[in-house]
């Protein structure tokens, strides 16, 4: 069983929005008691980074298929639908822990 969920947070530039999202996701997972290791990157790095993580969380659109579960987390930054996004983050991470 995995003892932590490996998460990649990707945004367009890899700086601003992913940093905000990372802090919020850390808080969400801490509250839910889910251990995680978070990496940040850009959408351009997704093809090379996706194999080293369990879940991908995006703050921007990404049209290509990914081979890992993906959660759209822009709502954590915009505040729109934030509760639904929080639940998706928790569900995706719990699923990884359950399946490992």
Protein backbone atom coordinates (compact mmCIF):
# COMPACT_ATOMS: atom_id res chain seq x y z
CA UNK A 1 0.00 0.00 0.00
CA UNK A 2 1.25 3.46 -0.87
CA UNK A 3 1.89 5.53 2.21
CA UNK A 4 1.43 8.80 0.37
CA UNK A 5 -0.15 10.12 -2.79
CA UNK A 6 2.22 11.65 -5.32
CA UNK A 7 0.58 14.70 -6.86
CA UNK A 8 1.67 16.89 -9.74
CA UNK A 9 0.15 20.37 -9.84
CA UNK A 10 0.50 21.88 -13.28
CA UNK A 11 -0.34 25.33 -14.57
CA UNK A 12 0.47 27.27 -17.70
CA UNK A 13 3.63 28.90 -16.37
CA UNK A 14 4.47 26.65 -13.43
CA UNK A 15 4.68 29.56 -11.01
CA UNK A 16 1.76 31.64 -9.83
CA UNK A 17 -1.43 29.60 -9.89
CA UNK A 18 0.23 26.30 -9.07
CA UNK A 19 1.74 27.84 -5.92
CA UNK A 20 -1.67 29.05 -4.73
CA UNK A 21 -3.23 25.69 -5.60
CA UNK A 22 -0.42 23.81 -3.85
CA UNK A 23 -1.03 25.61 -0.55
CA UNK A 24 -4.78 25.01 -0.73
CA UNK A 25 -4.35 21.34 -1.68
CA UNK A 26 -1.88 20.84 1.19
CA UNK A 27 -4.49 22.22 3.60
CA UNK A 28 -7.32 20.13 2.11
CA UNK A 29 -5.30 16.90 2.35
CA UNK A 30 -4.02 17.70 5.84
CA UNK A 31 -7.61 18.18 7.03
CA UNK A 32 -8.62 14.92 5.34
CA UNK A 33 -5.64 13.07 6.87
CA UNK A 34 -4.22 12.12 3.47
CA UNK A 35 -0.41 12.04 3.22
CA UNK A 36 0.87 13.47 -0.03
CA UNK A 37 4.00 14.59 -1.81
CA UNK A 38 3.33 17.50 -4.15
CA UNK A 39 5.41 18.46 -7.17
CA UNK A 40 4.78 21.55 -9.30
CA UNK A 41 5.27 21.85 -13.01
CA UNK A 42 3.93 23.27 -16.25
CA UNK A 43 1.49 21.66 -18.63
CA UNK A 44 4.39 21.34 -21.07
CA UNK A 45 6.10 18.98 -18.61
CA UNK A 46 3.06 16.70 -18.19
CA UNK A 47 4.11 14.06 -20.75
CA UNK A 48 7.48 13.58 -19.04
CA UNK A 49 6.30 13.94 -15.43
CA UNK A 50 3.00 12.04 -15.39
CA UNK A 51 4.60 8.61 -14.97
CA UNK A 52 6.21 9.62 -11.68
CA UNK A 53 2.97 10.69 -9.96
CA UNK A 54 -0.40 9.20 -8.95
CA UNK A 55 -2.70 12.15 -9.58
CA UNK A 56 -2.42 15.24 -11.78
CA UNK A 57 -4.08 18.47 -10.68
CA UNK A 58 -4.43 21.21 -13.27
CA UNK A 59 -5.13 24.91 -12.90
CA UNK A 60 -5.53 25.28 -16.65
CA UNK A 61 -7.00 23.35 -19.57
CA UNK A 62 -5.05 20.46 -21.02
CA UNK A 63 -6.56 18.95 -24.17
CA UNK A 64 -4.39 15.86 -24.53
CA UNK A 65 -5.15 12.53 -22.85
CA UNK A 66 -3.25 11.71 -19.68
CA UNK A 67 -2.57 8.25 -18.28
CA UNK A 68 -3.25 9.32 -14.68
CA UNK A 69 -6.36 10.58 -12.88
CA UNK A 70 -6.74 14.32 -13.41
CA UNK A 71 -8.50 16.89 -11.24
CA UNK A 72 -9.25 20.38 -12.53
CA UNK A 73 -8.41 22.61 -9.53
CA UNK A 74 -8.83 26.12 -10.92
CA UNK A 75 -11.87 26.51 -8.64
CA UNK A 76 -9.51 26.57 -5.64
CA UNK A 77 -8.01 29.76 -7.04
CA UNK A 78 -11.15 31.40 -8.46
CA UNK A 79 -13.34 30.33 -5.54
CA UNK A 80 -16.00 29.12 -8.00
CA UNK A 81 -17.23 25.64 -7.10
CA UNK A 82 -14.49 25.40 -4.47
CA UNK A 83 -16.29 22.84 -2.29
CA UNK A 84 -16.85 20.52 -5.25
CA UNK A 85 -13.17 20.81 -6.22
CA UNK A 86 -12.08 20.05 -2.65
CA UNK A 87 -14.19 16.89 -2.72
CA UNK A 88 -12.70 15.84 -6.08
CA UNK A 89 -9.18 16.33 -4.71
CA UNK A 90 -9.96 14.19 -1.64
CA UNK A 91 -11.77 11.51 -3.68
CA UNK A 92 -8.96 11.21 -6.25
CA UNK A 93 -6.31 10.87 -3.52
CA UNK A 94 -8.33 8.38 -1.45
CA UNK A 95 -8.86 6.28 -4.57
CA UNK A 96 -5.09 6.10 -5.12
CA UNK A 97 -4.52 5.02 -1.51
CA UNK A 98 -7.35 2.46 -1.71
CA UNK A 99 -6.04 0.92 -4.93
CA UNK A 100 -2.42 0.69 -3.91
